[in-house]
Every structure is written in C-alpha cells, then in structure tokens.
Amino acid sequence: MKFLVIICVIGMVFGGPGLEKAFESSNDMDVLSGFFSEFGISNIGTQCFEQKGKIVESLSSAFKKIVSDSNQLINKGIKQVLNSLNGVPQHLAICDENNAVISHRISKALKTIGKPKSLTIIPGQSILINNIEIFYYLTSAMNALDTKDYFATGQNLAILVNNFMPKNLKGLNFNQVMDIIGGFFVGMATDVNATDVAPCVTNTGIFGGWIEQSIIDFSKHTFDGTKDGFMDLSNAFGALPGFVNKCVPAAVETALVIEKVAVAWAHPLSLLYHVGLNIVFNGQVIFADISKAMGDYQTGNWFDFGFEIGQASFKIIYVPHKNPYQAIDEDIAMIMEGAMAEFGENGMGCTEIPDISSQLVDMVENWQLKTFIDAKNSLTNMAEALNVIIPTVQNCISDKTLNILNLGFNILSDPYSFVYIKEGKITIINGRQIGSNMKIAMINYNMQDWKGFGHYLAKTLKDLA
C-alpha cells in the first residue's frame, strides 16, 4: 500500500510538462506518503501536485533551528516546517474532491499553528502552541529524519497537525444527509423533494463533511468563523443543482436558484456580524435561522437543520431589502448612553428619552441610498433628531456637550459646503470629513448595536465642533 501511495504521489508531482524538475528524490514523496497516511488517504489521483522546494532539505534546515537555544530561531524553525508543507492541502483537494474536506481542515490547522494565539518556548524541553505541546512530535519527526525513515517523519508531522484539527467528528450517513436536503428544499419553498434527487446524490460523505465544518466554524462566534461557515455551506450545497438537473430535469429553475444560493454563501455582497446578537447577510437578518440550525444540528434534528438553512437561503435570494428597523424607547436609551459616553458625560443624568425614532429611520434610509441629495437629506434628518434631543437633555448635560450638540445642529441644518464622493467614502461638510464615522454608525444601526450607533454619531458631531 505504501508503494502504491508513493506511485500516486509521483503521478501528481510529475503530471504534465516539466515532470523531471519537481521531486528529484523519492525521500520527499515518502514524507508526503507518511503525512497523508495518518489522515486515511491512500489513493491520491495523478496530476496537479506541485512542490516548490525540497521537503526533506527544508525540514532538515528547520529542525536545526528547532534544536537551538534561541527562541527566535526555534520560532523560525517551526514556520519553516509549515512552509515545507505549504500547498499540500490545496493540491490534495484539487487532485480528488473526495479529499476536499480533510484538505480544508489540514489547511486551517496549519494556519492555526502558523498564527497561534499563544506560543511558549523552553529550548530543548517544550514548545506550547495554544496550550498544546508539540515538542514531542517535532522531536519524533527529527529522529525519524535522522534515521532516514522519511515515511515516519511525515507521520509524526501529521500527528502534530492533527492536534489542531476538530475532534470527535461523527460524520453524517446517507439518511441524515437526505433529511438535511429534504428540509432545505422545504425551507426554500421548492417543488422538489429529497426522494426525487436521492438516486443522484453520490457525495454524502463530502456533503456531510462540509456541514460538520460549517458547525465548527459558526461555533467560533467570530466574524471570520461566521464567514467561513457560510463558505462551508456553499461547498456543501454546491453540488445539489447538478443532482436536481440529473434526477429532476424539469426543475431547472430550482437548480438555478440553489446555484445562486451557493454562490451567495461563498461571495457575500455584505456580511455584518455582531457576536451573539445579529447576522445580516446581503441585507437580510438571518441570525435566528443560523442559531436555530446550529441547535437542531446539536440535537440531531437533521430535517429542521436543513429547513432553517433553507429559510435563510430563501431570505437572501427572494426577500427584498427591508426598510430600516424603527428603534423603540429602550433602543434610543442605549443610543443616548453610547453618545453621552463618547462626550465624556459621567453617567447619563437625563431620564427623559427623546422621541427620535422616525428621524433616525429617515436618516439611515436616506444615507443608504448613496446619492448626493439623499446623503444631504440624511444629515438634515440628523439635525431634526438633534432638534428633539437638545431640549430634552439640555438641563442634564455639561455646557461643553450642549455646545457640541448646538453647533452640530446648526452645521447640519445649514452647511456652507457639502462634498459627497464615492458613495459616501468621502463626505465633507464645512471642510470636516465625517464619512468614516457616519458609515460605521449606519453599520451599527443595521446591526442594532445601539451603543455603537450612538458612539459614532457623537464622534461625527465632535468632528464638526
């Protein structure tokens, strides 16, 4: 089996023109064979595998740095080990789509090692990355290289990498995948059923792997994790249009819509993420759908998981962009709190909440139209809001803050100059640039981050003072 793997890797390396220039030594291929074997990969397609440098030579140089007494050299050695594996996951996926998910996970693990949250080095004793000890695996790889056991060298490196990959993944079987697809069809309000496409669904292992990966990424509760989670969904559902076309030729429109969904997940026009509070994808609020889907996955409700993903997809493809949310009193109280904190007021001594919800809606809606006239109208709406705020708070704020509010009202109501370029990237009123703060304020409004919205409106007013 080892021999077969090596032959396959040779095929990948030497496929196409310039074959003889790739690997000059079978030792490099032995390292890769050992590395792949730890991930259960024994049959790798030919063609499309390239390696810029010699693996064994690069590892040998890296290991010399790792055994030094210098933390800086050891760190460089770790990065050189990673560089020796640079491109391996990507080419693995290109050669055989069945390895796409594991390739993705290897790639993410290598990135985690390369950019750790924490790194502690005790030369000759310990290397802790994100509180995971890797010194033993590096030492084992070094010893294997010294004895010219290149296969074992690759194995030990793979074991090291595996420590930074998701654990306890159970995978999804055919029935579970079909339940997800069935729920997705219903959530998308299509006329196609899971049973219609079942004979054509041939990649349940890949589909389930990407679904698992999406849960892993969404569970990070970060912007990057959320973005990656949507990309995982795109990878999962990307093959579905082909299955629909093959098994249900009459459902051409359904296939096209699902294809649009897969493209949208992979290439969002806009993605706003507020941890634990909101996800706005291409202007549509889908936080509840994604949260419910994650809960359904954890409890094994596969159909409901697919349904929630389908619902989110439906919103992105079909539902028109909604008018801005109208803030209620509790929201406005938080807006005022964020603004007053930026003005340096020690606690908001004001108890009356200004009735400015309609002015805020008009302000946000006009700003989002991204034209000169609408942007100017938006600033007029902001002045109208200030006209309500000022008499409400004038007796409970400092003179300094009151002066800023009054000056802002006067400038916004009747500016002597106004420049609006590149859809608001450059917005200058009376010679003061306010575009950046206004843009962030609008994002916070749509995310319903009310304190953040108030904070950036206050910064805008301070810019005008």
Protein backbone atom coordinates (compact mmCIF):
# COMPACT_ATOMS: atom_id res chain seq x y z
CA MET A 1 0.00 0.00 0.00
CA LYS A 2 2.86 2.33 0.83
CA PHE A 3 4.33 1.64 -2.61
CA LEU A 4 1.01 2.43 -4.28
CA VAL A 5 0.71 5.72 -2.41
CA ILE A 6 4.20 6.71 -3.49
CA ILE A 7 3.40 5.91 -7.11
CA CYS A 8 0.25 8.06 -6.88
CA VAL A 9 2.21 10.95 -5.44
CA ILE A 10 4.79 10.55 -8.20
CA GLY A 11 1.95 10.84 -10.67
CA MET A 12 0.75 14.03 -9.07
CA VAL A 13 4.19 15.56 -8.92
CA PHE A 14 5.31 14.56 -12.38
CA GLY A 15 1.99 15.05 -14.23
CA GLY A 16 2.29 17.46 -17.14
CA PRO A 17 5.27 19.30 -18.62
CA GLY A 18 8.49 19.63 -16.69
CA LEU A 19 7.98 16.40 -14.79
CA GLU A 20 11.61 15.81 -14.13
CA LYS A 21 12.03 19.16 -12.38
CA ALA A 22 9.66 18.53 -9.48
CA PHE A 23 10.94 15.96 -6.99
CA GLU A 24 14.47 14.78 -7.57
CA SER A 25 14.33 12.46 -4.57
CA SER A 26 11.82 9.79 -3.60
CA ASN A 27 12.51 10.78 0.03
CA ASP A 28 10.26 13.81 -0.39
CA MET A 29 7.49 11.58 -1.65
CA ASP A 30 7.96 9.23 1.30
CA VAL A 31 7.43 12.16 3.67
CA LEU A 32 4.20 13.06 1.89
CA SER A 33 3.06 9.44 1.85
CA GLY A 34 3.54 9.18 5.60
CA PHE A 35 1.80 12.50 6.13
CA PHE A 36 -1.22 11.51 4.04
CA SER A 37 -1.45 8.05 5.61
CA GLU A 38 -2.24 9.49 9.05
CA PHE A 39 -5.36 11.07 7.58
CA GLY A 40 -6.51 7.84 5.98
CA ILE A 41 -5.58 8.95 2.48
CA SER A 42 -4.12 6.15 0.42
CA ASN A 43 -5.41 6.72 -3.08
CA ILE A 44 -4.46 10.08 -4.49
CA GLY A 45 -5.19 10.95 -8.10
CA THR A 46 -2.42 11.78 -10.52
CA GLN A 47 -1.59 15.23 -11.94
CA CYS A 48 -1.77 18.66 -10.32
CA PHE A 49 0.64 18.25 -7.40
CA GLU A 50 3.47 20.71 -7.19
CA GLN A 51 6.09 21.39 -4.56
CA LYS A 52 8.27 24.49 -4.84
CA GLY A 53 11.16 23.23 -2.74
CA LYS A 54 12.65 20.01 -1.48
CA ILE A 55 10.72 18.80 1.55
CA VAL A 56 13.50 16.79 3.21
CA GLU A 57 16.03 19.55 2.69
CA SER A 58 13.64 22.16 4.08
CA LEU A 59 12.77 20.03 7.12
CA SER A 60 16.42 19.30 7.82
CA SER A 61 17.18 23.03 7.88
CA ALA A 62 14.11 23.71 10.04
CA PHE A 63 14.99 21.04 12.60
CA LYS A 64 18.49 22.52 13.05
CA LYS A 65 16.85 25.76 14.13
CA ILE A 66 14.38 23.99 16.43
CA VAL A 67 17.19 22.33 18.45
CA SER A 68 18.94 25.68 19.02
CA ASP A 69 18.92 27.64 22.28
CA SER A 70 17.33 30.68 20.65
CA ASN A 71 13.59 31.19 20.94
CA GLN A 72 13.70 33.31 17.80
CA LEU A 73 15.44 30.57 15.80
CA ILE A 74 13.07 27.92 17.16
CA ASN A 75 10.10 30.02 16.07
CA LYS A 76 11.64 30.40 12.61
CA GLY A 77 12.18 26.65 12.51
CA ILE A 78 8.50 25.99 13.26
CA LYS A 79 7.48 28.34 10.45
CA GLN A 80 9.91 26.60 8.09
CA VAL A 81 8.33 23.23 8.91
CA LEU A 82 4.97 24.73 7.97
CA ASN A 83 6.43 26.20 4.78
CA SER A 84 7.67 22.76 3.78
CA LEU A 85 4.02 21.65 3.76
CA ASN A 86 2.83 24.79 2.01
CA GLY A 87 0.41 23.96 -0.80
CA VAL A 88 0.00 20.30 0.18
CA PRO A 89 -3.67 20.59 1.32
CA GLN A 90 -4.70 22.72 -1.64
CA HIS A 91 -3.23 20.36 -4.22
CA LEU A 92 -4.67 17.40 -2.37
CA ALA A 93 -8.16 18.87 -2.81
CA ILE A 94 -7.56 19.69 -6.47
CA CYS A 95 -6.45 16.14 -7.22
CA ASP A 96 -9.52 14.49 -5.71
CA GLU A 97 -12.67 16.28 -4.49
CA ASN A 98 -13.26 13.41 -2.06
CA ASN A 99 -10.36 14.83 -0.05
CA ALA A 100 -11.69 18.41 -0.13
CA VAL A 101 -12.99 18.48 3.45
CA ILE A 102 -9.96 16.89 5.09
CA SER A 103 -7.74 19.11 2.96
CA HIS A 104 -9.62 22.16 4.22
CA ARG A 105 -9.17 21.05 7.83
CA ILE A 106 -5.45 20.39 7.37
CA SER A 107 -5.05 23.83 5.81
CA LYS A 108 -6.86 25.53 8.71
CA ALA A 109 -4.76 23.59 11.23
CA LEU A 110 -1.55 24.71 9.53
CA LYS A 111 -2.76 28.32 9.66
CA THR A 112 -3.59 27.95 13.36
CA ILE A 113 -0.09 26.68 14.07
CA GLY A 114 1.45 29.42 11.96
CA LYS A 115 -0.51 32.20 13.66
CA PRO A 116 -1.06 30.94 17.21
CA LYS A 117 -2.96 32.78 19.92
CA SER A 118 -0.19 31.80 22.31
CA LEU A 119 3.33 30.42 21.93
CA THR A 120 5.57 29.35 24.82
CA ILE A 121 9.07 28.01 24.12
CA ILE A 122 11.52 26.43 26.55
CA PRO A 123 14.51 25.44 24.38
CA GLY A 124 15.15 21.71 24.42
CA GLN A 125 12.14 21.00 26.64
CA SER A 126 8.82 22.36 25.48
CA ILE A 127 7.00 24.14 22.67
CA LEU A 128 3.43 25.04 23.56
CA ILE A 129 1.15 26.40 20.84
CA ASN A 130 -2.31 27.40 22.07
CA ASN A 131 -1.55 25.28 25.17
CA ILE A 132 -0.91 22.20 23.01
CA GLU A 133 2.51 20.57 23.46
CA ILE A 134 4.19 19.89 20.10
CA PHE A 135 7.80 19.37 21.18
CA TYR A 136 7.44 15.58 21.35
CA TYR A 137 6.07 15.31 17.80
CA LEU A 138 8.77 17.57 16.40
CA THR A 139 11.44 15.55 18.20
CA SER A 140 9.98 12.30 16.87
CA ALA A 141 9.93 13.74 13.34
CA MET A 142 13.55 14.88 13.75
CA ASN A 143 14.68 11.47 14.97
CA ALA A 144 12.89 9.77 12.09
CA LEU A 145 14.57 12.12 9.62
CA ASP A 146 17.98 11.45 11.19
CA THR A 147 17.47 7.70 10.68
CA LYS A 148 16.21 8.35 7.15
CA ASP A 149 12.76 6.98 7.96
CA TYR A 150 11.03 9.57 5.81
CA PHE A 151 7.63 7.90 5.96
CA ALA A 152 7.68 8.12 9.78
CA THR A 153 8.81 11.75 9.50
CA GLY A 154 5.64 12.54 7.59
CA GLN A 155 3.53 10.53 10.02
CA ASN A 156 4.81 12.45 13.04
CA LEU A 157 4.21 15.78 11.34
CA ALA A 158 0.67 14.69 10.53
CA ILE A 159 0.05 13.67 14.15
CA LEU A 160 1.27 17.12 15.22
CA VAL A 161 -1.10 18.82 12.76
CA ASN A 162 -3.96 16.57 13.82
CA ASN A 163 -3.78 18.02 17.33
CA PHE A 164 -5.06 21.30 15.89
CA MET A 165 -7.95 19.77 13.96
CA PRO A 166 -11.56 19.26 15.15
CA LYS A 167 -12.05 16.17 17.29
CA ASN A 168 -14.86 13.66 17.73
CA LEU A 169 -16.44 14.23 14.34
CA LYS A 170 -19.03 11.52 13.78
CA GLY A 171 -19.82 12.21 10.15
CA LEU A 172 -23.27 12.03 8.59
CA ASN A 173 -24.81 8.98 6.96
CA PHE A 174 -26.90 8.90 3.79
CA ASN A 175 -30.26 9.17 5.59
CA GLN A 176 -29.11 12.13 7.68
CA VAL A 177 -27.83 13.94 4.60
CA MET A 178 -31.09 13.30 2.75
CA ASP A 179 -33.06 14.64 5.73
CA ILE A 180 -30.99 17.83 5.59
CA ILE A 181 -31.54 18.15 1.85
CA GLY A 182 -35.27 17.50 2.31
CA GLY A 183 -35.53 20.20 4.95
CA PHE A 184 -33.55 22.57 2.76
CA PHE A 185 -35.96 22.08 -0.15
CA VAL A 186 -38.94 22.83 2.12
CA GLY A 187 -37.24 25.86 3.68
CA MET A 188 -36.51 27.17 0.20
CA ALA A 189 -40.18 26.60 -0.77
CA THR A 190 -39.25 24.47 -3.80
CA ASP A 191 -41.40 21.83 -5.50
CA VAL A 192 -38.57 19.28 -5.35
CA ASN A 193 -38.43 16.61 -2.63
CA ALA A 194 -35.45 14.76 -1.21
CA THR A 195 -36.79 11.47 -2.59
CA ASP A 196 -36.73 13.00 -6.08
CA VAL A 197 -32.96 13.53 -6.02
CA ALA A 198 -31.92 10.64 -3.74
CA PRO A 199 -30.76 8.36 -6.61
CA CYS A 200 -28.43 11.11 -7.85
CA VAL A 201 -26.86 12.12 -4.53
CA THR A 202 -23.47 10.45 -4.64
CA ASN A 203 -21.33 12.63 -2.38
CA THR A 204 -22.98 12.28 1.03
CA GLY A 205 -19.58 11.93 2.71
CA ILE A 206 -18.36 15.20 1.25
CA PHE A 207 -21.69 16.94 1.85
CA GLY A 208 -21.78 15.82 5.48
CA GLY A 209 -18.15 16.82 5.99
CA TRP A 210 -18.80 20.38 4.87
CA ILE A 211 -21.92 20.59 7.03
CA GLU A 212 -19.86 19.46 10.03
CA GLN A 213 -17.21 22.02 9.18
CA SER A 214 -19.83 24.78 8.98
CA ILE A 215 -20.94 23.97 12.53
CA ILE A 216 -17.33 24.04 13.71
CA ASP A 217 -16.77 27.44 12.11
CA PHE A 218 -20.07 29.01 13.18
CA SER A 219 -19.39 27.80 16.74
CA LYS A 220 -16.32 30.04 16.94
CA HIS A 221 -18.68 33.02 17.23
CA THR A 222 -16.30 35.31 15.36
CA PHE A 223 -16.63 37.23 12.11
CA ASP A 224 -14.08 35.00 10.35
CA GLY A 225 -15.71 31.86 11.72
CA THR A 226 -19.11 33.04 10.50
CA LYS A 227 -17.73 33.93 7.07
CA ASP A 228 -16.04 30.52 6.84
CA GLY A 229 -19.25 28.82 7.96
CA PHE A 230 -21.12 30.29 5.01
CA MET A 231 -18.33 29.19 2.67
CA ASP A 232 -18.68 25.67 4.09
CA LEU A 233 -22.41 25.75 3.34
CA SER A 234 -21.59 26.82 -0.20
CA ASN A 235 -19.24 23.86 -0.56
CA ALA A 236 -21.90 21.51 0.83
CA PHE A 237 -24.81 22.64 -1.32
CA GLY A 238 -22.72 23.47 -4.38
CA ALA A 239 -23.26 20.02 -5.92
CA LEU A 240 -27.02 20.00 -5.29
CA PRO A 241 -28.01 21.81 -8.53
CA GLY A 242 -26.29 19.06 -10.53
CA PHE A 243 -28.26 16.37 -8.69
CA VAL A 244 -31.52 18.25 -9.33
CA ASN A 245 -30.76 18.64 -13.04
CA LYS A 246 -29.87 14.97 -13.35
CA CYS A 247 -32.79 13.47 -11.43
CA VAL A 248 -35.47 16.14 -11.96
CA PRO A 249 -34.72 17.68 -15.38
CA ALA A 250 -37.96 19.68 -15.32
CA ALA A 251 -36.89 21.56 -12.17
CA VAL A 252 -34.44 23.82 -14.00
CA GLU A 253 -35.47 26.93 -12.06
CA THR A 254 -34.97 25.18 -8.72
CA ALA A 255 -31.46 24.15 -9.74
CA LEU A 256 -30.65 27.72 -10.79
CA VAL A 257 -31.94 29.16 -7.52
CA ILE A 258 -29.89 26.71 -5.44
CA GLU A 259 -26.86 27.58 -7.53
CA LYS A 260 -27.48 31.26 -6.73
CA VAL A 261 -27.63 30.36 -3.05
CA ALA A 262 -24.29 28.51 -3.20
CA VAL A 263 -22.67 31.47 -4.97
CA ALA A 264 -24.18 33.93 -2.47
CA TRP A 265 -22.87 31.96 0.54
CA ALA A 266 -19.38 31.95 -0.98
CA HIS A 267 -19.35 35.56 -2.18
CA PRO A 268 -21.49 37.77 0.08
CA LEU A 269 -22.08 41.32 -1.08
CA SER A 270 -22.17 42.31 2.57
CA LEU A 271 -21.84 40.49 5.87
CA LEU A 272 -22.44 42.17 9.21
CA TYR A 273 -21.76 40.15 12.34
CA HIS A 274 -22.36 41.17 15.95
CA VAL A 275 -21.32 38.38 18.29
CA GLY A 276 -24.29 36.72 19.92
CA LEU A 277 -26.74 39.31 18.60
CA ASN A 278 -27.04 39.51 14.85
CA ILE A 279 -26.00 38.28 11.41
CA VAL A 280 -27.00 40.41 8.45
CA PHE A 281 -26.15 38.70 5.16
CA ASN A 282 -26.63 40.75 1.98
CA GLY A 283 -29.01 42.99 3.91
CA GLN A 284 -31.10 40.15 5.37
CA VAL A 285 -31.24 39.36 9.09
CA ILE A 286 -30.64 35.60 9.41
CA PHE A 287 -29.23 35.33 12.93
CA ALA A 288 -32.25 33.40 14.25
CA ASP A 289 -32.18 30.96 11.32
CA ILE A 290 -28.50 30.14 11.76
CA SER A 291 -28.81 29.90 15.56
CA LYS A 292 -31.78 27.52 15.30
CA ALA A 293 -29.96 25.47 12.67
CA MET A 294 -26.97 25.03 14.97
CA GLY A 295 -29.25 23.94 17.81
CA ASP A 296 -31.02 21.48 15.51
CA TYR A 297 -27.68 20.03 14.43
CA GLN A 298 -26.55 19.50 18.01
CA THR A 299 -29.78 17.65 18.83
CA GLY A 300 -29.75 15.60 15.63
CA ASN A 301 -32.82 17.23 14.08
CA TRP A 302 -31.44 16.94 10.57
CA PHE A 303 -34.61 17.93 8.69
CA ASP A 304 -35.06 21.04 10.83
CA PHE A 305 -31.40 21.93 10.35
CA GLY A 306 -31.87 21.83 6.59
CA PHE A 307 -35.15 23.74 6.90
CA GLU A 308 -33.52 26.64 8.79
CA ILE A 309 -30.67 26.83 6.28
CA GLY A 310 -33.28 26.80 3.52
CA GLN A 311 -35.21 29.60 5.24
CA ALA A 312 -32.06 31.71 5.47
CA SER A 313 -31.32 30.99 1.81
CA PHE A 314 -34.86 31.98 0.82
CA LYS A 315 -34.46 35.34 2.54
CA ILE A 316 -31.19 36.04 0.77
CA ILE A 317 -32.48 35.12 -2.68
CA TYR A 318 -36.13 36.18 -2.61
CA VAL A 319 -36.90 38.64 0.17
CA PRO A 320 -36.48 42.29 -0.87
CA HIS A 321 -34.34 44.59 1.24
CA LYS A 322 -36.36 45.80 4.20
CA ASN A 323 -36.72 49.36 5.43
CA PRO A 324 -34.55 50.19 8.43
CA TYR A 325 -35.77 48.95 11.78
CA GLN A 326 -37.59 51.61 13.84
CA ALA A 327 -35.88 51.97 17.19
CA ILE A 328 -38.04 51.75 20.32
CA ASP A 329 -37.52 53.65 23.59
CA GLU A 330 -35.18 51.03 25.05
CA ASP A 331 -33.03 51.22 21.91
CA ILE A 332 -32.96 55.03 21.98
CA ALA A 333 -31.92 54.96 25.64
CA MET A 334 -28.91 52.83 24.66
CA ILE A 335 -28.15 55.15 21.72
CA MET A 336 -28.09 58.10 24.11
CA GLU A 337 -25.93 56.15 26.56
CA GLY A 338 -23.37 55.40 23.84
CA ALA A 339 -23.35 59.03 22.67
CA MET A 340 -23.03 60.52 26.14
CA ALA A 341 -20.19 58.16 27.00
CA GLU A 342 -18.31 59.42 23.92
CA PHE A 343 -18.97 63.01 25.01
CA GLY A 344 -17.42 62.18 28.38
CA GLU A 345 -20.58 62.55 30.43
CA ASN A 346 -20.24 60.63 33.69
CA GLY A 347 -23.38 58.57 33.65
CA MET A 348 -26.45 59.84 31.91
CA GLY A 349 -28.27 62.05 34.39
CA CYS A 350 -31.14 62.52 31.94
CA THR A 351 -34.23 60.40 32.49
CA GLU A 352 -36.44 61.55 29.61
CA ILE A 353 -35.99 59.62 26.36
CA PRO A 354 -36.17 61.80 23.24
CA ASP A 355 -38.72 60.68 20.65
CA ILE A 356 -36.41 60.46 17.63
CA SER A 357 -37.24 57.04 16.15
CA SER A 358 -38.79 58.39 12.93
CA GLN A 359 -35.91 60.83 12.35
CA LEU A 360 -33.39 58.01 12.79
CA VAL A 361 -35.22 55.76 10.31
CA ASP A 362 -35.26 58.56 7.72
CA MET A 363 -31.60 59.33 8.38
CA VAL A 364 -30.47 55.73 7.89
CA GLU A 365 -32.74 55.08 4.91
CA ASN A 366 -31.58 58.21 3.07
CA TRP A 367 -27.90 57.52 3.79
CA GLN A 368 -28.18 54.00 2.38
CA LEU A 369 -29.45 55.34 -0.97
CA LYS A 370 -25.89 56.60 -1.56
CA THR A 371 -26.59 59.68 -3.67
CA PHE A 372 -25.54 63.29 -3.07
CA ILE A 373 -29.09 64.53 -2.49
CA ASP A 374 -30.08 61.61 -0.25
CA ALA A 375 -26.90 61.93 1.82
CA LYS A 376 -27.64 65.62 2.32
CA ASN A 377 -31.21 64.74 3.33
CA SER A 378 -29.80 62.18 5.78
CA LEU A 379 -27.76 64.87 7.51
CA THR A 380 -30.86 67.08 7.61
CA ASN A 381 -32.68 64.19 9.33
CA MET A 382 -29.82 64.03 11.83
CA ALA A 383 -30.29 67.75 12.52
CA GLU A 384 -34.01 67.12 13.04
CA ALA A 385 -33.14 64.44 15.61
CA LEU A 386 -30.80 66.88 17.38
CA ASN A 387 -33.60 69.44 17.45
CA VAL A 388 -35.59 66.97 19.57
CA ILE A 389 -32.63 65.80 21.66
CA ILE A 390 -31.29 69.22 22.70
CA PRO A 391 -34.32 70.48 24.70
CA THR A 392 -34.70 67.02 26.22
CA VAL A 393 -31.15 66.85 27.63
CA GLN A 394 -30.02 70.49 27.96
CA ASN A 395 -30.56 70.57 31.72
CA CYS A 396 -28.75 67.32 32.49
CA ILE A 397 -25.53 67.54 30.45
CA SER A 398 -22.42 69.71 30.63
CA ASP A 399 -22.15 73.02 28.80
CA LYS A 400 -19.37 71.55 26.66
CA THR A 401 -21.59 68.73 25.40
CA LEU A 402 -24.52 71.09 24.90
CA ASN A 403 -22.31 73.36 22.78
CA ILE A 404 -21.29 70.39 20.60
CA LEU A 405 -24.94 69.44 20.08
CA ASN A 406 -25.98 73.01 19.22
CA LEU A 407 -23.07 73.50 16.85
CA GLY A 408 -23.82 70.17 15.18
CA PHE A 409 -27.45 71.14 14.72
CA ASN A 410 -26.53 74.47 13.12
CA ILE A 411 -23.97 72.96 10.73
CA LEU A 412 -26.13 70.01 9.69
CA SER A 413 -29.18 72.23 9.20
CA ASP A 414 -27.45 74.84 7.06
CA PRO A 415 -23.91 73.91 5.90
CA TYR A 416 -21.97 76.35 3.74
CA SER A 417 -20.28 73.46 1.88
CA PHE A 418 -21.01 69.79 1.32
CA VAL A 419 -18.91 67.25 -0.60
CA TYR A 420 -20.11 63.69 -1.22
CA ILE A 421 -17.90 61.37 -3.30
CA LYS A 422 -17.60 57.61 -3.91
CA GLU A 423 -20.90 56.65 -2.28
CA GLY A 424 -20.02 58.35 0.96
CA LYS A 425 -16.42 57.18 1.39
CA ILE A 426 -15.60 60.86 1.26
CA THR A 427 -18.20 63.04 2.95
CA ILE A 428 -17.08 66.55 3.86
CA ILE A 429 -19.32 69.14 5.47
CA ASN A 430 -17.94 72.63 6.13
CA GLY A 431 -14.47 71.25 5.45
CA ARG A 432 -14.75 68.42 8.01
CA GLN A 433 -14.54 64.76 6.92
CA ILE A 434 -17.34 62.74 8.54
CA GLY A 435 -17.73 59.89 6.03
CA SER A 436 -15.92 57.18 8.01
CA ASN A 437 -17.79 57.73 11.28
CA MET A 438 -21.14 58.02 9.51
CA LYS A 439 -20.51 54.77 7.65
CA ILE A 440 -19.70 52.89 10.86
CA ALA A 441 -22.71 54.45 12.59
CA MET A 442 -25.00 53.14 9.84
CA ILE A 443 -23.50 49.67 10.08
CA ASN A 444 -24.09 49.68 13.84
CA TYR A 445 -27.71 50.78 13.32
CA ASN A 446 -28.37 47.89 10.95
CA MET A 447 -26.69 45.52 13.41
CA GLN A 448 -28.85 47.02 16.17
CA ASP A 449 -25.71 47.81 18.14
CA TRP A 450 -27.33 50.85 19.68
CA LYS A 451 -24.48 51.98 21.91
CA GLY A 452 -22.12 51.70 18.96
CA PHE A 453 -24.52 53.74 16.81
CA GLY A 454 -24.70 56.49 19.44
CA HIS A 455 -20.93 56.39 19.91
CA TYR A 456 -20.22 57.06 16.22
CA LEU A 457 -22.90 59.72 15.88
CA ALA A 458 -21.24 61.50 18.80
CA LYS A 459 -17.84 61.16 17.10
CA THR A 460 -19.37 62.68 13.96
CA LEU A 461 -20.65 65.66 15.95
CA LYS A 462 -17.27 66.07 17.66
CA ASP A 463 -15.64 66.14 14.21
CA LEU A 464 -17.88 69.09 13.35
CA ALA A 465 -17.12 71.01 16.55
